[in-house]
């Protein structure tokens, strides 16, 4: 699958909303079902300067999104974190890997970050495998981290730390 990455723009709001309408996307993130266009228009129009938003395209269709945040805290400016989602129909075809590689390159080669961290639901085996493939390790687990589909779910805290 030929995946192209580019910076997200305000005109991408509907396409990103469409990603987060997919059941796996909202179930695997802290997003709620049925996001609105207005929500994504606002997020994309008011992106803080410590956020980097990218979209993944396959055949000119937006199929993935990643948001990367560099900590503003003076003592944690060496840390970035991210959230991402891929449309249900293309999961498992390398889109997430290309998105993740994009922010790792940004962190390592342009922002001089030492640590990238994330939180992932512990039952999301595909995502955990992807993160491990890119050098992330599980550092801890939170029981009853979030409420999803009528029940509490646990989450792993993972990080990739440069030596």
C-alpha atoms as a PDB file:
ATOM      1  CA  UNK A   1       0.000   0.000   0.000  1.00  0.00           C
ATOM      2  CA  UNK A   2       1.474   3.354  -1.048  1.00  0.00           C
ATOM      3  CA  UNK A   3       0.981   5.683   1.928  1.00  0.00           C
ATOM      4  CA  UNK A   4       1.700   9.401   1.671  1.00  0.00           C
ATOM      5  CA  UNK A   5       1.980  11.638   4.724  1.00  0.00           C
ATOM      6  CA  UNK A   6       1.379  15.358   4.876  1.00  0.00           C
ATOM      7  CA  UNK A   7       0.617  17.998   7.463  1.00  0.00           C
ATOM      8  CA  UNK A   8      -3.076  18.200   8.348  1.00  0.00           C
ATOM      9  CA  UNK A   9      -4.876  21.382   7.353  1.00  0.00           C
ATOM     10  CA  UNK A  10      -8.220  22.887   8.349  1.00  0.00           C
ATOM     11  CA  UNK A  11      -9.715  21.587   5.096  1.00  0.00           C
ATOM     12  CA  UNK A  12      -9.054  18.023   6.377  1.00  0.00           C
ATOM     13  CA  UNK A  13     -11.649  18.318   9.148  1.00  0.00           C
ATOM     14  CA  UNK A  14     -14.331  16.181   7.487  1.00  0.00           C
ATOM     15  CA  UNK A  15     -11.869  13.491   6.407  1.00  0.00           C
ATOM     16  CA  UNK A  16     -10.432  13.246   9.936  1.00  0.00           C
ATOM     17  CA  UNK A  17     -13.945  13.165  11.389  1.00  0.00           C
ATOM     18  CA  UNK A  18     -14.682  10.253   9.035  1.00  0.00           C
ATOM     19  CA  UNK A  19     -11.707   8.340  10.471  1.00  0.00           C
ATOM     20  CA  UNK A  20     -12.935   8.798  14.043  1.00  0.00           C
ATOM     21  CA  UNK A  21     -16.444   7.673  13.050  1.00  0.00           C
ATOM     22  CA  UNK A  22     -15.050   4.171  12.485  1.00  0.00           C
ATOM     23  CA  UNK A  23     -15.866   1.838  15.406  1.00  0.00           C
ATOM     24  CA  UNK A  24     -12.258   0.681  15.873  1.00  0.00           C
ATOM     25  CA  UNK A  25     -11.027   4.281  15.860  1.00  0.00           C
ATOM     26  CA  UNK A  26     -13.337   5.597  18.560  1.00  0.00           C
ATOM     27  CA  UNK A  27     -13.163   2.349  20.544  1.00  0.00           C
ATOM     28  CA  UNK A  28      -9.366   2.363  20.496  1.00  0.00           C
ATOM     29  CA  UNK A  29      -8.972   6.023  21.464  1.00  0.00           C
ATOM     30  CA  UNK A  30     -10.528   8.408  23.958  1.00  0.00           C
ATOM     31  CA  UNK A  31     -12.764   9.884  21.247  1.00  0.00           C
ATOM     32  CA  UNK A  32     -16.526   9.587  21.481  1.00  0.00           C
ATOM     33  CA  UNK A  33     -18.691   8.058  18.724  1.00  0.00           C
ATOM     34  CA  UNK A  34     -20.261  10.375  16.131  1.00  0.00           C
ATOM     35  CA  UNK A  35     -17.811  13.281  16.161  1.00  0.00           C
ATOM     36  CA  UNK A  36     -18.993  16.491  14.571  1.00  0.00           C
ATOM     37  CA  UNK A  37     -17.450  18.409  11.704  1.00  0.00           C
ATOM     38  CA  UNK A  38     -17.413  21.484  13.955  1.00  0.00           C
ATOM     39  CA  UNK A  39     -15.270  19.689  16.555  1.00  0.00           C
ATOM     40  CA  UNK A  40     -12.581  18.823  14.010  1.00  0.00           C
ATOM     41  CA  UNK A  41     -12.819  22.189  12.265  1.00  0.00           C
ATOM     42  CA  UNK A  42     -12.140  23.872  15.617  1.00  0.00           C
ATOM     43  CA  UNK A  43      -9.258  21.542  16.481  1.00  0.00           C
ATOM     44  CA  UNK A  44      -7.574  22.094  13.134  1.00  0.00           C
ATOM     45  CA  UNK A  45      -8.151  25.849  13.058  1.00  0.00           C
ATOM     46  CA  UNK A  46      -6.789  26.355  16.581  1.00  0.00           C
ATOM     47  CA  UNK A  47      -3.801  24.036  16.700  1.00  0.00           C
ATOM     48  CA  UNK A  48      -1.282  25.167  19.340  1.00  0.00           C
ATOM     49  CA  UNK A  49       2.312  25.603  18.188  1.00  0.00           C
ATOM     50  CA  UNK A  50       3.478  22.580  20.220  1.00  0.00           C
ATOM     51  CA  UNK A  51       1.138  20.236  18.267  1.00  0.00           C
ATOM     52  CA  UNK A  52       1.979  18.561  14.971  1.00  0.00           C
ATOM     53  CA  UNK A  53      -0.928  17.017  13.078  1.00  0.00           C
ATOM     54  CA  UNK A  54      -0.475  14.706  10.099  1.00  0.00           C
ATOM     55  CA  UNK A  55      -2.743  12.721   7.825  1.00  0.00           C
ATOM     56  CA  UNK A  56      -2.040   9.561   5.844  1.00  0.00           C
ATOM     57  CA  UNK A  57      -3.362   9.266   2.312  1.00  0.00           C
ATOM     58  CA  UNK A  58      -3.802   6.218   0.105  1.00  0.00           C
ATOM     59  CA  UNK A  59      -4.916   6.942  -3.447  1.00  0.00           C
ATOM     60  CA  UNK A  60      -5.724  10.522  -2.342  1.00  0.00           C
ATOM     61  CA  UNK A  61      -8.112   9.272   0.379  1.00  0.00           C
ATOM     62  CA  UNK A  62      -7.370  10.321   3.958  1.00  0.00           C
ATOM     63  CA  UNK A  63      -7.152   7.057   5.889  1.00  0.00           C
ATOM     64  CA  UNK A  64      -5.121   7.932   8.986  1.00  0.00           C
ATOM     65  CA  UNK A  65      -4.408  10.722  11.432  1.00  0.00           C
ATOM     66  CA  UNK A  66      -1.789  11.313  14.106  1.00  0.00           C
ATOM     67  CA  UNK A  67      -1.471  14.179  16.542  1.00  0.00           C
ATOM     68  CA  UNK A  68       1.892  14.718  18.236  1.00  0.00           C
ATOM     69  CA  UNK A  69       2.282  17.040  21.215  1.00  0.00           C
ATOM     70  CA  UNK A  70       5.548  18.333  22.644  1.00  0.00           C
ATOM     71  CA  UNK A  71       5.262  19.005  26.358  1.00  0.00           C
ATOM     72  CA  UNK A  72       5.214  22.676  27.323  1.00  0.00           C
ATOM     73  CA  UNK A  73       6.271  21.964  30.891  1.00  0.00           C
ATOM     74  CA  UNK A  74       9.800  23.327  31.343  1.00  0.00           C
ATOM     75  CA  UNK A  75      10.994  20.124  32.989  1.00  0.00           C
ATOM     76  CA  UNK A  76       9.389  17.870  30.348  1.00  0.00           C
ATOM     77  CA  UNK A  77      10.282  19.677  27.121  1.00  0.00           C
ATOM     78  CA  UNK A  78      12.244  16.592  26.108  1.00  0.00           C
ATOM     79  CA  UNK A  79       8.976  14.598  25.909  1.00  0.00           C
ATOM     80  CA  UNK A  80       6.395  14.143  23.180  1.00  0.00           C
ATOM     81  CA  UNK A  81       3.180  12.153  23.168  1.00  0.00           C
ATOM     82  CA  UNK A  82       0.714  11.205  20.484  1.00  0.00           C
ATOM     83  CA  UNK A  83      -2.658   9.803  19.584  1.00  0.00           C
ATOM     84  CA  UNK A  84      -3.521   8.220  16.281  1.00  0.00           C
ATOM     85  CA  UNK A  85      -6.234   6.410  14.372  1.00  0.00           C
ATOM     86  CA  UNK A  86      -6.529   4.572  11.066  1.00  0.00           C
ATOM     87  CA  UNK A  87      -9.742   3.891   9.167  1.00  0.00           C
ATOM     88  CA  UNK A  88     -11.123   0.458   9.923  1.00  0.00           C
ATOM     89  CA  UNK A  89     -10.871  -0.792   6.327  1.00  0.00           C
ATOM     90  CA  UNK A  90      -7.115  -0.218   6.040  1.00  0.00           C
ATOM     91  CA  UNK A  91      -5.896  -1.258   9.487  1.00  0.00           C
ATOM     92  CA  UNK A  92      -3.121  -3.832   9.346  1.00  0.00           C
ATOM     93  CA  UNK A  93      -1.749  -2.554   6.016  1.00  0.00           C
ATOM     94  CA  UNK A  94       1.093  -0.347   7.266  1.00  0.00           C
ATOM     95  CA  UNK A  95      -0.673   3.016   7.542  1.00  0.00           C
ATOM     96  CA  UNK A  96      -0.131   3.247  11.297  1.00  0.00           C
ATOM     97  CA  UNK A  97       3.511   2.294  10.909  1.00  0.00           C
ATOM     98  CA  UNK A  98       4.118   5.091   8.391  1.00  0.00           C
ATOM     99  CA  UNK A  99       2.342   7.634  10.616  1.00  0.00           C
ATOM    100  CA  UNK A 100       4.338   6.530  13.642  1.00  0.00           C
ATOM    101  CA  UNK A 101       7.618   6.637  11.700  1.00  0.00           C
ATOM    102  CA  UNK A 102       6.801  10.225  10.738  1.00  0.00           C
ATOM    103  CA  UNK A 103       6.538  11.449  14.327  1.00  0.00           C
ATOM    104  CA  UNK A 104       9.544   9.399  15.446  1.00  0.00           C
ATOM    105  CA  UNK A 105      11.617  11.079  12.723  1.00  0.00           C
ATOM    106  CA  UNK A 106      10.264  14.476  13.778  1.00  0.00           C
ATOM    107  CA  UNK A 107      11.079  13.818  17.436  1.00  0.00           C
ATOM    108  CA  UNK A 108      14.551  12.352  16.852  1.00  0.00           C
ATOM    109  CA  UNK A 109      15.872  14.471  14.007  1.00  0.00           C
ATOM    110  CA  UNK A 110      14.118  17.823  14.250  1.00  0.00           C
ATOM    111  CA  UNK A 111      12.775  18.426  17.750  1.00  0.00           C
ATOM    112  CA  UNK A 112      15.621  16.854  19.763  1.00  0.00           C
ATOM    113  CA  UNK A 113      13.247  14.875  21.996  1.00  0.00           C
ATOM    114  CA  UNK A 114      14.527  12.102  24.225  1.00  0.00           C
ATOM    115  CA  UNK A 115      11.232  10.449  25.122  1.00  0.00           C
ATOM    116  CA  UNK A 116       8.007   9.662  23.273  1.00  0.00           C
ATOM    117  CA  UNK A 117       5.155   8.310  25.369  1.00  0.00           C
ATOM    118  CA  UNK A 118       1.634   7.056  24.805  1.00  0.00           C
ATOM    119  CA  UNK A 119      -1.298   5.373  26.446  1.00  0.00           C
ATOM    120  CA  UNK A 120      -3.003   2.428  24.752  1.00  0.00           C
ATOM    121  CA  UNK A 121      -5.850   0.170  25.826  1.00  0.00           C
ATOM    122  CA  UNK A 122      -4.331  -3.105  27.016  1.00  0.00           C
ATOM    123  CA  UNK A 123      -6.723  -5.163  24.869  1.00  0.00           C
ATOM    124  CA  UNK A 124      -5.599  -3.419  21.659  1.00  0.00           C
ATOM    125  CA  UNK A 125      -3.109  -6.115  20.658  1.00  0.00           C
ATOM    126  CA  UNK A 126      -2.565  -4.751  17.146  1.00  0.00           C
ATOM    127  CA  UNK A 127      -1.598  -1.286  18.435  1.00  0.00           C
ATOM    128  CA  UNK A 128       0.594  -2.667  21.237  1.00  0.00           C
ATOM    129  CA  UNK A 129       2.412  -4.795  18.639  1.00  0.00           C
ATOM    130  CA  UNK A 130       2.913  -1.779  16.380  1.00  0.00           C
ATOM    131  CA  UNK A 131       4.373   0.286  19.200  1.00  0.00           C
ATOM    132  CA  UNK A 132       6.706  -2.520  20.306  1.00  0.00           C
ATOM    133  CA  UNK A 133       7.870  -2.911  16.686  1.00  0.00           C
ATOM    134  CA  UNK A 134       8.940   0.753  16.805  1.00  0.00           C
ATOM    135  CA  UNK A 135      10.872   0.418  20.062  1.00  0.00           C
ATOM    136  CA  UNK A 136       8.231   1.323  22.640  1.00  0.00           C
ATOM    137  CA  UNK A 137       8.125  -0.580  25.910  1.00  0.00           C
ATOM    138  CA  UNK A 138       5.334  -1.048  28.434  1.00  0.00           C
ATOM    139  CA  UNK A 139       6.224   0.952  31.540  1.00  0.00           C
ATOM    140  CA  UNK A 140       3.053   0.418  33.544  1.00  0.00           C
ATOM    141  CA  UNK A 141      -0.646  -0.333  33.541  1.00  0.00           C
ATOM    142  CA  UNK A 142      -3.667   1.572  34.780  1.00  0.00           C
ATOM    143  CA  UNK A 143      -6.670  -0.461  35.860  1.00  0.00           C
ATOM    144  CA  UNK A 144     -10.101   0.936  34.903  1.00  0.00           C
ATOM    145  CA  UNK A 145      -8.361   3.699  32.924  1.00  0.00           C
ATOM    146  CA  UNK A 146     -11.364   4.656  30.781  1.00  0.00           C
ATOM    147  CA  UNK A 147     -15.018   3.854  30.229  1.00  0.00           C
ATOM    148  CA  UNK A 148     -15.743   2.249  26.846  1.00  0.00           C
ATOM    149  CA  UNK A 149     -18.865   0.583  25.535  1.00  0.00           C
ATOM    150  CA  UNK A 150     -20.447   0.190  28.960  1.00  0.00           C
ATOM    151  CA  UNK A 151     -17.419  -1.058  30.892  1.00  0.00           C
ATOM    152  CA  UNK A 152     -14.101   0.060  32.308  1.00  0.00           C
ATOM    153  CA  UNK A 153     -10.967  -0.898  30.392  1.00  0.00           C
ATOM    154  CA  UNK A 154      -7.318  -1.005  31.387  1.00  0.00           C
ATOM    155  CA  UNK A 155      -4.498   0.798  29.610  1.00  0.00           C
ATOM    156  CA  UNK A 156      -0.760   0.433  29.215  1.00  0.00           C
ATOM    157  CA  UNK A 157       1.626   3.336  29.485  1.00  0.00           C
ATOM    158  CA  UNK A 158       4.355   2.874  26.881  1.00  0.00           C
ATOM    159  CA  UNK A 159       7.411   4.887  25.988  1.00  0.00           C
ATOM    160  CA  UNK A 160      10.410   4.957  23.686  1.00  0.00           C
ATOM    161  CA  UNK A 161      13.430   6.571  25.326  1.00  0.00           C
ATOM    162  CA  UNK A 162      16.634   7.359  23.460  1.00  0.00           C
ATOM    163  CA  UNK A 163      19.804   6.215  25.213  1.00  0.00           C
END
